[in-house]
């Protein structure tokens, strides 16, 4: 089991919970900046999960196009169902952000024009 899946299964709720916007704002001082950080982390999680799922399903892929070889594989179905049951990447990213597990940095505006 991957490091990300173990972390997800350990303590992340799989249902959407309302969040206090004041708590999100308190971390960075700006609500929109906090949401931007959560969104970027959610994209990272989504890409990681998608790559992991495709790598696992690639083991079951047949590289021939004959109709006789198409069949259902129980292991492949179980893997797909396990990933479907996982929480949404936005939920995972919000949970990580609230717990302080996301590293982020703010670029200085002056450095962008040098």
PDB file of N, CA and C in Angstrom:
ATOM      1  N   UNK A   1       0.856  -1.176   0.000  1.00  0.00           N
ATOM      2  CA  UNK A   1       0.000   0.000   0.000  1.00  0.00           C
ATOM      3  C   UNK A   1       0.898   1.233   0.000  1.00  0.00           C
ATOM      4  N   UNK A   2       0.555   2.209  -0.782  1.00  0.00           N
ATOM      5  CA  UNK A   2       1.397   3.393  -0.914  1.00  0.00           C
ATOM      6  C   UNK A   2       1.327   4.263   0.335  1.00  0.00           C
ATOM      7  N   UNK A   3       2.306   5.121   0.472  1.00  0.00           N
ATOM      8  CA  UNK A   3       2.362   6.034   1.609  1.00  0.00           C
ATOM      9  C   UNK A   3       1.137   6.949   1.645  1.00  0.00           C
ATOM     10  N   UNK A   4       0.728   7.423   0.483  1.00  0.00           N
ATOM     11  CA  UNK A   4      -0.430   8.318   0.408  1.00  0.00           C
ATOM     12  C   UNK A   4      -1.712   7.598   0.814  1.00  0.00           C
ATOM     13  N   UNK A   5      -1.896   6.370   0.344  1.00  0.00           N
ATOM     14  CA  UNK A   5      -3.109   5.623   0.700  1.00  0.00           C
ATOM     15  C   UNK A   5      -3.145   5.295   2.177  1.00  0.00           C
ATOM     16  N   UNK A   6      -2.002   4.976   2.791  1.00  0.00           N
ATOM     17  CA  UNK A   6      -1.977   4.714   4.234  1.00  0.00           C
ATOM     18  C   UNK A   6      -2.361   5.955   5.014  1.00  0.00           C
ATOM     19  N   UNK A   7      -1.854   7.098   4.592  1.00  0.00           N
ATOM     20  CA  UNK A   7      -2.174   8.365   5.251  1.00  0.00           C
ATOM     21  C   UNK A   7      -3.656   8.676   5.103  1.00  0.00           C
ATOM     22  N   UNK A   8      -4.207   8.419   3.943  1.00  0.00           N
ATOM     23  CA  UNK A   8      -5.618   8.696   3.687  1.00  0.00           C
ATOM     24  C   UNK A   8      -6.506   7.809   4.550  1.00  0.00           C
ATOM     25  N   UNK A   9      -6.192   6.528   4.582  1.00  0.00           N
ATOM     26  CA  UNK A   9      -7.010   5.589   5.329  1.00  0.00           C
ATOM     27  C   UNK A   9      -6.901   5.796   6.832  1.00  0.00           C
ATOM     28  N   UNK A  10      -5.818   6.401   7.286  1.00  0.00           N
ATOM     29  CA  UNK A  10      -5.589   6.535   8.720  1.00  0.00           C
ATOM     30  C   UNK A  10      -6.531   7.530   9.385  1.00  0.00           C
ATOM     31  N   UNK A  11      -6.700   8.710   8.809  1.00  0.00           N
ATOM     32  CA  UNK A  11      -7.433   9.724   9.564  1.00  0.00           C
ATOM     33  C   UNK A  11      -8.240  10.716   8.737  1.00  0.00           C
ATOM     34  N   UNK A  12      -8.405  10.499   7.470  1.00  0.00           N
ATOM     35  CA  UNK A  12      -9.150  11.448   6.655  1.00  0.00           C
ATOM     36  C   UNK A  12     -10.598  11.003   6.520  1.00  0.00           C
ATOM     37  N   UNK A  13     -11.540  11.881   6.849  1.00  0.00           N
ATOM     38  CA  UNK A  13     -12.942  11.507   6.664  1.00  0.00           C
ATOM     39  C   UNK A  13     -13.276  11.435   5.179  1.00  0.00           C
ATOM     40  N   UNK A  14     -14.199  10.563   4.822  1.00  0.00           N
ATOM     41  CA  UNK A  14     -14.535  10.408   3.410  1.00  0.00           C
ATOM     42  C   UNK A  14     -15.769  11.214   3.015  1.00  0.00           C
ATOM     43  N   UNK A  15     -16.347  11.946   3.957  1.00  0.00           N
ATOM     44  CA  UNK A  15     -17.514  12.765   3.662  1.00  0.00           C
ATOM     45  C   UNK A  15     -17.146  14.240   3.817  1.00  0.00           C
ATOM     46  N   UNK A  16     -17.882  15.085   3.138  1.00  0.00           N
ATOM     47  CA  UNK A  16     -17.627  16.516   3.181  1.00  0.00           C
ATOM     48  C   UNK A  16     -18.099  17.074   4.521  1.00  0.00           C
ATOM     49  N   UNK A  17     -17.244  17.844   5.147  1.00  0.00           N
ATOM     50  CA  UNK A  17     -17.589  18.510   6.395  1.00  0.00           C
ATOM     51  C   UNK A  17     -17.449  20.006   6.183  1.00  0.00           C
ATOM     52  N   UNK A  18     -18.367  20.773   6.751  1.00  0.00           N
ATOM     53  CA  UNK A  18     -18.250  22.224   6.627  1.00  0.00           C
ATOM     54  C   UNK A  18     -17.054  22.700   7.442  1.00  0.00           C
ATOM     55  N   UNK A  19     -16.369  23.692   6.915  1.00  0.00           N
ATOM     56  CA  UNK A  19     -15.187  24.228   7.574  1.00  0.00           C
ATOM     57  C   UNK A  19     -15.445  25.674   7.965  1.00  0.00           C
ATOM     58  N   UNK A  20     -14.870  26.061   9.057  1.00  0.00           N
ATOM     59  CA  UNK A  20     -14.966  27.441   9.501  1.00  0.00           C
ATOM     60  C   UNK A  20     -13.998  28.280   8.664  1.00  0.00           C
ATOM     61  N   UNK A  21     -14.516  29.237   7.938  1.00  0.00           N
ATOM     62  CA  UNK A  21     -13.676  30.050   7.058  1.00  0.00           C
ATOM     63  C   UNK A  21     -12.681  30.892   7.846  1.00  0.00           C
ATOM     64  N   UNK A  22     -13.041  31.257   9.051  1.00  0.00           N
ATOM     65  CA  UNK A  22     -12.124  32.046   9.880  1.00  0.00           C
ATOM     66  C   UNK A  22     -10.884  31.216  10.223  1.00  0.00           C
ATOM     67  N   UNK A  23     -11.077  29.912  10.456  1.00  0.00           N
ATOM     68  CA  UNK A  23      -9.930  29.039  10.735  1.00  0.00           C
ATOM     69  C   UNK A  23      -9.035  28.894   9.510  1.00  0.00           C
ATOM     70  N   UNK A  24      -9.644  28.787   8.330  1.00  0.00           N
ATOM     71  CA  UNK A  24      -8.846  28.700   7.107  1.00  0.00           C
ATOM     72  C   UNK A  24      -8.071  29.993   6.866  1.00  0.00           C
ATOM     73  N   UNK A  25      -8.709  31.105   7.138  1.00  0.00           N
ATOM     74  CA  UNK A  25      -8.070  32.401   6.933  1.00  0.00           C
ATOM     75  C   UNK A  25      -6.946  32.621   7.942  1.00  0.00           C
ATOM     76  N   UNK A  26      -7.099  32.101   9.144  1.00  0.00           N
ATOM     77  CA  UNK A  26      -6.117  32.335  10.200  1.00  0.00           C
ATOM     78  C   UNK A  26      -4.741  31.769   9.868  1.00  0.00           C
ATOM     79  N   UNK A  27      -4.690  30.718   9.078  1.00  0.00           N
ATOM     80  CA  UNK A  27      -3.404  30.090   8.771  1.00  0.00           C
ATOM     81  C   UNK A  27      -2.522  31.007   7.929  1.00  0.00           C
ATOM     82  N   UNK A  28      -3.086  31.636   6.897  1.00  0.00           N
ATOM     83  CA  UNK A  28      -2.287  32.469   5.995  1.00  0.00           C
ATOM     84  C   UNK A  28      -2.570  33.959   6.132  1.00  0.00           C
ATOM     85  N   UNK A  29      -3.694  34.289   6.744  1.00  0.00           N
ATOM     86  CA  UNK A  29      -4.084  35.690   6.848  1.00  0.00           C
ATOM     87  C   UNK A  29      -4.970  36.142   5.697  1.00  0.00           C
ATOM     88  N   UNK A  30      -5.176  35.265   4.723  1.00  0.00           N
ATOM     89  CA  UNK A  30      -5.984  35.606   3.566  1.00  0.00           C
ATOM     90  C   UNK A  30      -6.761  34.358   3.142  1.00  0.00           C
ATOM     91  N   UNK A  31      -8.071  34.468   3.113  1.00  0.00           N
ATOM     92  CA  UNK A  31      -8.915  33.321   2.783  1.00  0.00           C
ATOM     93  C   UNK A  31      -8.637  32.809   1.378  1.00  0.00           C
ATOM     94  N   UNK A  32      -8.487  33.695   0.413  1.00  0.00           N
ATOM     95  CA  UNK A  32      -8.272  33.282  -0.973  1.00  0.00           C
ATOM     96  C   UNK A  32      -6.915  32.597  -1.144  1.00  0.00           C
ATOM     97  N   UNK A  33      -5.934  33.052  -0.411  1.00  0.00           N
ATOM     98  CA  UNK A  33      -4.628  32.407  -0.459  1.00  0.00           C
ATOM     99  C   UNK A  33      -4.713  30.995   0.119  1.00  0.00           C
ATOM    100  N   UNK A  34      -5.449  30.848   1.205  1.00  0.00           N
ATOM    101  CA  UNK A  34      -5.631  29.527   1.812  1.00  0.00           C
ATOM    102  C   UNK A  34      -6.334  28.579   0.848  1.00  0.00           C
ATOM    103  N   UNK A  35      -7.378  29.060   0.193  1.00  0.00           N
ATOM    104  CA  UNK A  35      -8.114  28.221  -0.755  1.00  0.00           C
ATOM    105  C   UNK A  35      -7.236  27.877  -1.947  1.00  0.00           C
ATOM    106  N   UNK A  36      -6.403  28.799  -2.367  1.00  0.00           N
ATOM    107  CA  UNK A  36      -5.485  28.533  -3.474  1.00  0.00           C
ATOM    108  C   UNK A  36      -4.483  27.440  -3.098  1.00  0.00           C
ATOM    109  N   UNK A  37      -3.977  27.485  -1.886  1.00  0.00           N
ATOM    110  CA  UNK A  37      -3.029  26.466  -1.414  1.00  0.00           C
ATOM    111  C   UNK A  37      -3.713  25.104  -1.373  1.00  0.00           C
ATOM    112  N   UNK A  38      -4.926  25.068  -0.841  1.00  0.00           N
ATOM    113  CA  UNK A  38      -5.677  23.810  -0.767  1.00  0.00           C
ATOM    114  C   UNK A  38      -5.952  23.280  -2.178  1.00  0.00           C
ATOM    115  N   UNK A  39      -6.302  24.159  -3.096  1.00  0.00           N
ATOM    116  CA  UNK A  39      -6.575  23.739  -4.471  1.00  0.00           C
ATOM    117  C   UNK A  39      -5.351  23.165  -5.158  1.00  0.00           C
ATOM    118  N   UNK A  40      -4.198  23.791  -4.957  1.00  0.00           N
ATOM    119  CA  UNK A  40      -2.968  23.288  -5.567  1.00  0.00           C
ATOM    120  C   UNK A  40      -2.582  21.934  -4.991  1.00  0.00           C
ATOM    121  N   UNK A  41      -2.764  21.773  -3.680  1.00  0.00           N
ATOM    122  CA  UNK A  41      -2.459  20.484  -3.052  1.00  0.00           C
ATOM    123  C   UNK A  41      -3.436  19.408  -3.530  1.00  0.00           C
ATOM    124  N   UNK A  42      -4.705  19.779  -3.705  1.00  0.00           N
ATOM    125  CA  UNK A  42      -5.698  18.823  -4.207  1.00  0.00           C
ATOM    126  C   UNK A  42      -5.312  18.348  -5.604  1.00  0.00           C
ATOM    127  N   UNK A  43      -4.817  19.241  -6.433  1.00  0.00           N
ATOM    128  CA  UNK A  43      -4.357  18.852  -7.775  1.00  0.00           C
ATOM    129  C   UNK A  43      -3.183  17.885  -7.693  1.00  0.00           C
ATOM    130  N   UNK A  44      -2.239  18.135  -6.769  1.00  0.00           N
ATOM    131  CA  UNK A  44      -1.105  17.237  -6.592  1.00  0.00           C
ATOM    132  C   UNK A  44      -1.569  15.845  -6.157  1.00  0.00           C
ATOM    133  N   UNK A  45      -2.497  15.802  -5.206  1.00  0.00           N
ATOM    134  CA  UNK A  45      -3.011  14.516  -4.728  1.00  0.00           C
ATOM    135  C   UNK A  45      -3.723  13.791  -5.856  1.00  0.00           C
ATOM    136  N   UNK A  46      -4.522  14.516  -6.626  1.00  0.00           N
ATOM    137  CA  UNK A  46      -5.262  13.906  -7.726  1.00  0.00           C
ATOM    138  C   UNK A  46      -4.321  13.292  -8.758  1.00  0.00           C
ATOM    139  N   UNK A  47      -3.272  13.998  -9.106  1.00  0.00           N
ATOM    140  CA  UNK A  47      -2.309  13.482 -10.080  1.00  0.00           C
ATOM    141  C   UNK A  47      -1.621  12.235  -9.531  1.00  0.00           C
ATOM    142  N   UNK A  48      -1.235  12.264  -8.272  1.00  0.00           N
ATOM    143  CA  UNK A  48      -0.562  11.125  -7.660  1.00  0.00           C
ATOM    144  C   UNK A  48      -1.464   9.896  -7.629  1.00  0.00           C
ATOM    145  N   UNK A  49      -2.712  10.090  -7.218  1.00  0.00           N
ATOM    146  CA  UNK A  49      -3.650   8.973  -7.162  1.00  0.00           C
ATOM    147  C   UNK A  49      -3.935   8.414  -8.553  1.00  0.00           C
ATOM    148  N   UNK A  50      -4.067   9.305  -9.522  1.00  0.00           N
ATOM    149  CA  UNK A  50      -4.352   8.863 -10.889  1.00  0.00           C
ATOM    150  C   UNK A  50      -3.182   8.050 -11.448  1.00  0.00           C
ATOM    151  N   UNK A  51      -1.959   8.500 -11.219  1.00  0.00           N
ATOM    152  CA  UNK A  51      -0.783   7.765 -11.693  1.00  0.00           C
ATOM    153  C   UNK A  51      -0.686   6.412 -11.006  1.00  0.00           C
ATOM    154  N   UNK A  52      -0.942   6.394  -9.705  1.00  0.00           N
ATOM    155  CA  UNK A  52      -0.878   5.156  -8.941  1.00  0.00           C
ATOM    156  C   UNK A  52      -1.928   4.154  -9.446  1.00  0.00           C
ATOM    157  N   UNK A  53      -3.138   4.627  -9.681  1.00  0.00           N
ATOM    158  CA  UNK A  53      -4.197   3.752 -10.169  1.00  0.00           C
ATOM    159  C   UNK A  53      -3.873   3.219 -11.560  1.00  0.00           C
ATOM    160  N   UNK A  54      -3.406   4.086 -12.453  1.00  0.00           N
ATOM    161  CA  UNK A  54      -3.071   3.641 -13.808  1.00  0.00           C
ATOM    162  C   UNK A  54      -1.925   2.633 -13.794  1.00  0.00           C
ATOM    163  N   UNK A  55      -0.944   2.827 -12.917  1.00  0.00           N
ATOM    164  CA  UNK A  55       0.160   1.875 -12.821  1.00  0.00           C
ATOM    165  C   UNK A  55      -0.325   0.507 -12.356  1.00  0.00           C
ATOM    166  N   UNK A  56      -1.244   0.502 -11.390  1.00  0.00           N
ATOM    167  CA  UNK A  56      -1.766  -0.772 -10.906  1.00  0.00           C
ATOM    168  C   UNK A  56      -2.640  -1.447 -11.955  1.00  0.00           C
ATOM    169  N   UNK A  57      -3.450  -0.673 -12.667  1.00  0.00           N
ATOM    170  CA  UNK A  57      -4.331  -1.258 -13.674  1.00  0.00           C
ATOM    171  C   UNK A  57      -3.574  -1.659 -14.935  1.00  0.00           C
ATOM    172  N   UNK A  58      -2.416  -1.075 -15.153  1.00  0.00           N
ATOM    173  CA  UNK A  58      -1.595  -1.410 -16.316  1.00  0.00           C
ATOM    174  C   UNK A  58      -1.151  -2.869 -16.253  1.00  0.00           C
ATOM    175  N   UNK A  59      -1.020  -3.412 -15.058  1.00  0.00           N
ATOM    176  CA  UNK A  59      -0.620  -4.810 -14.912  1.00  0.00           C
ATOM    177  C   UNK A  59      -1.659  -5.752 -15.529  1.00  0.00           C
ATOM    178  N   UNK A  60      -2.921  -5.333 -15.536  1.00  0.00           N
ATOM    179  CA  UNK A  60      -3.987  -6.178 -16.036  1.00  0.00           C
ATOM    180  C   UNK A  60      -4.321  -5.922 -17.509  1.00  0.00           C
ATOM    181  N   UNK A  61      -3.724  -4.915 -18.092  1.00  0.00           N
ATOM    182  CA  UNK A  61      -4.058  -4.542 -19.466  1.00  0.00           C
ATOM    183  C   UNK A  61      -3.531  -5.582 -20.444  1.00  0.00           C
ATOM    184  N   UNK A  62      -4.381  -5.923 -21.390  1.00  0.00           N
ATOM    185  CA  UNK A  62      -3.934  -6.813 -22.463  1.00  0.00           C
ATOM    186  C   UNK A  62      -3.623  -5.935 -23.667  1.00  0.00           C
ATOM    187  N   UNK A  63      -2.561  -6.260 -24.336  1.00  0.00           N
ATOM    188  CA  UNK A  63      -2.116  -5.423 -25.447  1.00  0.00           C
ATOM    189  C   UNK A  63      -2.578  -5.955 -26.799  1.00  0.00           C
ATOM    190  N   UNK A  64      -3.509  -6.881 -26.767  1.00  0.00           N
ATOM    191  CA  UNK A  64      -4.080  -7.380 -28.012  1.00  0.00           C
ATOM    192  C   UNK A  64      -5.527  -6.931 -28.097  1.00  0.00           C
ATOM    193  N   UNK A  65      -6.037  -6.809 -29.297  1.00  0.00           N
ATOM    194  CA  UNK A  65      -7.378  -6.275 -29.503  1.00  0.00           C
ATOM    195  C   UNK A  65      -8.377  -7.338 -29.956  1.00  0.00           C
ATOM    196  N   UNK A  66      -8.276  -8.526 -29.453  1.00  0.00           N
ATOM    197  CA  UNK A  66      -9.251  -9.533 -29.863  1.00  0.00           C
ATOM    198  C   UNK A  66     -10.406  -9.573 -28.861  1.00  0.00           C
ATOM    199  N   UNK A  67     -11.579  -9.792 -29.358  1.00  0.00           N
ATOM    200  CA  UNK A  67     -12.770  -9.823 -28.513  1.00  0.00           C
ATOM    201  C   UNK A  67     -12.796 -11.043 -27.601  1.00  0.00           C
ATOM    202  N   UNK A  68     -12.095 -12.082 -27.965  1.00  0.00           N
ATOM    203  CA  UNK A  68     -12.097 -13.304 -27.166  1.00  0.00           C
ATOM    204  C   UNK A  68     -11.363 -13.131 -25.845  1.00  0.00           C
ATOM    205  N   UNK A  69     -10.452 -12.202 -25.780  1.00  0.00           N
ATOM    206  CA  UNK A  69      -9.644 -12.054 -24.578  1.00  0.00           C
ATOM    207  C   UNK A  69     -10.202 -11.043 -23.592  1.00  0.00           C
ATOM    208  N   UNK A  70     -11.323 -10.415 -23.917  1.00  0.00           N
ATOM    209  CA  UNK A  70     -11.907  -9.444 -23.006  1.00  0.00           C
ATOM    210  C   UNK A  70     -12.681 -10.205 -21.931  1.00  0.00           C
ATOM    211  N   UNK A  71     -12.308 -10.015 -20.710  1.00  0.00           N
ATOM    212  CA  UNK A  71     -12.988 -10.656 -19.586  1.00  0.00           C
ATOM    213  C   UNK A  71     -12.837  -9.771 -18.360  1.00  0.00           C
ATOM    214  N   UNK A  72     -13.660 -10.034 -17.388  1.00  0.00           N
ATOM    215  CA  UNK A  72     -13.595  -9.245 -16.154  1.00  0.00           C
ATOM    216  C   UNK A  72     -12.567  -9.865 -15.220  1.00  0.00           C
ATOM    217  N   UNK A  73     -11.780  -9.041 -14.641  1.00  0.00           N
ATOM    218  CA  UNK A  73     -10.786  -9.480 -13.690  1.00  0.00           C
ATOM    219  C   UNK A  73     -11.208  -8.979 -12.308  1.00  0.00           C
ATOM    220  N   UNK A  74     -11.418  -9.891 -11.376  1.00  0.00           N
ATOM    221  CA  UNK A  74     -11.908  -9.516 -10.046  1.00  0.00           C
ATOM    222  C   UNK A  74     -10.925  -8.603  -9.312  1.00  0.00           C
ATOM    223  N   UNK A  75      -9.646  -8.866  -9.447  1.00  0.00           N
ATOM    224  CA  UNK A  75      -8.647  -8.033  -8.778  1.00  0.00           C
ATOM    225  C   UNK A  75      -8.680  -6.605  -9.313  1.00  0.00           C
ATOM    226  N   UNK A  76      -8.838  -6.471 -10.603  1.00  0.00           N
ATOM    227  CA  UNK A  76      -8.903  -5.151 -11.225  1.00  0.00           C
ATOM    228  C   UNK A  76     -10.131  -4.397 -10.728  1.00  0.00           C
ATOM    229  N   UNK A  77     -11.248  -5.082 -10.607  1.00  0.00           N
ATOM    230  CA  UNK A  77     -12.473  -4.453 -10.113  1.00  0.00           C
ATOM    231  C   UNK A  77     -12.311  -4.029  -8.658  1.00  0.00           C
ATOM    232  N   UNK A  78     -11.668  -4.860  -7.838  1.00  0.00           N
ATOM    233  CA  UNK A  78     -11.455  -4.521  -6.431  1.00  0.00           C
ATOM    234  C   UNK A  78     -10.553  -3.297  -6.282  1.00  0.00           C
ATOM    235  N   UNK A  79      -9.529  -3.208  -7.105  1.00  0.00           N
ATOM    236  CA  UNK A  79      -8.632  -2.049  -7.058  1.00  0.00           C
ATOM    237  C   UNK A  79      -9.401  -0.784  -7.432  1.00  0.00           C
ATOM    238  N   UNK A  80     -10.203  -0.866  -8.482  1.00  0.00           N
ATOM    239  CA  UNK A  80     -10.987   0.297  -8.905  1.00  0.00           C
ATOM    240  C   UNK A  80     -11.972   0.723  -7.829  1.00  0.00           C
ATOM    241  N   UNK A  81     -12.619  -0.222  -7.202  1.00  0.00           N
ATOM    242  CA  UNK A  81     -13.569   0.104  -6.133  1.00  0.00           C
ATOM    243  C   UNK A  81     -12.874   0.728  -4.939  1.00  0.00           C
ATOM    244  N   UNK A  82     -11.691   0.254  -4.610  1.00  0.00           N
ATOM    245  CA  UNK A  82     -10.952   0.823  -3.472  1.00  0.00           C
ATOM    246  C   UNK A  82     -10.631   2.292  -3.729  1.00  0.00           C
ATOM    247  N   UNK A  83     -10.257   2.612  -4.967  1.00  0.00           N
ATOM    248  CA  UNK A  83      -9.959   4.004  -5.289  1.00  0.00           C
ATOM    249  C   UNK A  83     -11.218   4.851  -5.350  1.00  0.00           C
ATOM    250  N   UNK A  84     -12.339   4.257  -5.735  1.00  0.00           N
ATOM    251  CA  UNK A  84     -13.599   5.005  -5.757  1.00  0.00           C
ATOM    252  C   UNK A  84     -14.069   5.347  -4.349  1.00  0.00           C
ATOM    253  N   UNK A  85     -13.755   4.507  -3.378  1.00  0.00           N
ATOM    254  CA  UNK A  85     -14.179   4.732  -1.998  1.00  0.00           C
ATOM    255  C   UNK A  85     -13.305   5.755  -1.273  1.00  0.00           C
ATOM    256  N   UNK A  86     -12.165   6.060  -1.849  1.00  0.00           N
ATOM    257  CA  UNK A  86     -11.261   7.012  -1.207  1.00  0.00           C
ATOM    258  C   UNK A  86     -11.882   8.398  -1.208  1.00  0.00           C
ATOM    259  N   UNK A  87     -11.522   9.220  -0.223  1.00  0.00           N
ATOM    260  CA  UNK A  87     -12.058  10.586  -0.177  1.00  0.00           C
ATOM    261  C   UNK A  87     -11.609  11.406  -1.378  1.00  0.00           C
ATOM    262  N   UNK A  88     -12.378  12.411  -1.676  1.00  0.00           N
ATOM    263  CA  UNK A  88     -12.075  13.347  -2.745  1.00  0.00           C
ATOM    264  C   UNK A  88     -10.742  14.048  -2.440  1.00  0.00           C
ATOM    265  N   UNK A  89      -9.903  14.311  -3.448  1.00  0.00           N
ATOM    266  CA  UNK A  89      -8.635  14.995  -3.197  1.00  0.00           C
ATOM    267  C   UNK A  89      -8.801  16.364  -2.522  1.00  0.00           C
ATOM    268  N   UNK A  90      -9.892  17.063  -2.794  1.00  0.00           N
ATOM    269  CA  UNK A  90     -10.121  18.356  -2.135  1.00  0.00           C
ATOM    270  C   UNK A  90     -10.365  18.171  -0.643  1.00  0.00           C
ATOM    271  N   UNK A  91     -11.056  17.109  -0.272  1.00  0.00           N
ATOM    272  CA  UNK A  91     -11.280  16.821   1.150  1.00  0.00           C
ATOM    273  C   UNK A  91      -9.958  16.490   1.825  1.00  0.00           C
ATOM    274  N   UNK A  92      -9.134  15.679   1.153  1.00  0.00           N
ATOM    275  CA  UNK A  92      -7.833  15.312   1.718  1.00  0.00           C
ATOM    276  C   UNK A  92      -6.944  16.545   1.873  1.00  0.00           C
ATOM    277  N   UNK A  93      -6.928  17.408   0.864  1.00  0.00           N
ATOM    278  CA  UNK A  93      -6.085  18.600   0.909  1.00  0.00           C
ATOM    279  C   UNK A  93      -6.545  19.554   2.007  1.00  0.00           C
ATOM    280  N   UNK A  94      -7.844  19.719   2.165  1.00  0.00           N
ATOM    281  CA  UNK A  94      -8.361  20.593   3.223  1.00  0.00           C
ATOM    282  C   UNK A  94      -7.990  20.042   4.584  1.00  0.00           C
ATOM    283  N   UNK A  95      -8.104  18.735   4.746  1.00  0.00           N
ATOM    284  CA  UNK A  95      -7.753  18.096   6.017  1.00  0.00           C
ATOM    285  C   UNK A  95      -6.265  18.294   6.321  1.00  0.00           C
ATOM    286  N   UNK A  96      -5.416  18.110   5.329  1.00  0.00           N
ATOM    287  CA  UNK A  96      -3.978  18.328   5.506  1.00  0.00           C
ATOM    288  C   UNK A  96      -3.682  19.782   5.862  1.00  0.00           C
ATOM    289  N   UNK A  97      -4.365  20.710   5.219  1.00  0.00           N
ATOM    290  CA  UNK A  97      -4.127  22.131   5.458  1.00  0.00           C
ATOM    291  C   UNK A  97      -4.498  22.516   6.886  1.00  0.00           C
ATOM    292  N   UNK A  98      -5.633  22.031   7.341  1.00  0.00           N
ATOM    293  CA  UNK A  98      -6.084  22.360   8.692  1.00  0.00           C
ATOM    294  C   UNK A  98      -5.137  21.768   9.739  1.00  0.00           C
ATOM    295  N   UNK A  99      -4.600  20.578   9.472  1.00  0.00           N
ATOM    296  CA  UNK A  99      -3.676  19.942  10.414  1.00  0.00           C
ATOM    297  C   UNK A  99      -2.260  20.502  10.314  1.00  0.00           C
ATOM    298  N   UNK A 100      -2.005  21.379   9.350  1.00  0.00           N
ATOM    299  CA  UNK A 100      -0.684  21.985   9.208  1.00  0.00           C
ATOM    300  C   UNK A 100       0.336  21.081   8.553  1.00  0.00           C
ATOM    301  N   UNK A 101      -0.097  20.154   7.734  1.00  0.00           N
ATOM    302  CA  UNK A 101       0.807  19.214   7.079  1.00  0.00           C
ATOM    303  C   UNK A 101       1.263  19.663   5.698  1.00  0.00           C
ATOM    304  N   UNK A 102       0.789  20.820   5.235  1.00  0.00           N
ATOM    305  CA  UNK A 102       1.148  21.316   3.912  1.00  0.00           C
ATOM    306  C   UNK A 102       2.223  22.388   4.049  1.00  0.00           C
ATOM    307  N   UNK A 103       3.311  22.199   3.315  1.00  0.00           N
ATOM    308  CA  UNK A 103       4.356  23.222   3.281  1.00  0.00           C
ATOM    309  C   UNK A 103       4.063  24.144   2.108  1.00  0.00           C
ATOM    310  N   UNK A 104       4.085  25.424   2.361  1.00  0.00           N
ATOM    311  CA  UNK A 104       3.886  26.406   1.302  1.00  0.00           C
ATOM    312  C   UNK A 104       4.768  27.603   1.607  1.00  0.00           C
ATOM    313  N   UNK A 105       5.039  28.364   0.582  1.00  0.00           N
ATOM    314  CA  UNK A 105       5.824  29.583   0.771  1.00  0.00           C
ATOM    315  C   UNK A 105       5.260  30.661  -0.116  1.00  0.00           C
ATOM    316  N   UNK A 106       5.467  31.873   0.285  1.00  0.00           N
ATOM    317  CA  UNK A 106       4.959  33.016  -0.451  1.00  0.00           C
ATOM    318  C   UNK A 106       6.124  33.701  -1.144  1.00  0.00           C
ATOM    319  N   UNK A 107       6.022  33.848  -2.449  1.00  0.00           N
ATOM    320  CA  UNK A 107       7.060  34.546  -3.201  1.00  0.00           C
ATOM    321  C   UNK A 107       6.911  36.040  -2.987  1.00  0.00           C
ATOM    322  N   UNK A 108       8.025  36.724  -2.889  1.00  0.00           N
ATOM    323  CA  UNK A 108       7.989  38.180  -2.777  1.00  0.00           C
ATOM    324  C   UNK A 108       7.674  38.758  -4.150  1.00  0.00           C
ATOM    325  N   UNK A 109       6.805  39.746  -4.177  1.00  0.00           N
ATOM    326  CA  UNK A 109       6.427  40.380  -5.441  1.00  0.00           C
ATOM    327  C   UNK A 109       7.613  41.062  -6.100  1.00  0.00           C
ATOM    328  N   UNK A 110       8.541  41.584  -5.298  1.00  0.00           N
ATOM    329  CA  UNK A 110       9.698  42.281  -5.842  1.00  0.00           C
ATOM    330  C   UNK A 110      10.633  41.326  -6.572  1.00  0.00           C
ATOM    331  N   UNK A 111      10.694  40.072  -6.130  1.00  0.00           N
ATOM    332  CA  UNK A 111      11.591  39.104  -6.745  1.00  0.00           C
ATOM    333  C   UNK A 111      11.112  38.685  -8.130  1.00  0.00           C
ATOM    334  N   UNK A 112       9.851  38.850  -8.407  1.00  0.00           N
ATOM    335  CA  UNK A 112       9.316  38.413  -9.697  1.00  0.00           C
ATOM    336  C   UNK A 112       9.805  39.264 -10.867  1.00  0.00           C
ATOM    337  N   UNK A 113      10.175  40.494 -10.605  1.00  0.00           N
ATOM    338  CA  UNK A 113      10.542  41.420 -11.684  1.00  0.00           C
ATOM    339  C   UNK A 113      12.041  41.607 -11.804  1.00  0.00           C
ATOM    340  N   UNK A 114      12.805  40.872 -11.091  1.00  0.00           N
ATOM    341  CA  UNK A 114      14.265  41.030 -11.177  1.00  0.00           C
ATOM    342  C   UNK A 114      14.835  40.161 -12.233  1.00  0.00           C
TER     343      UNK A 114
END
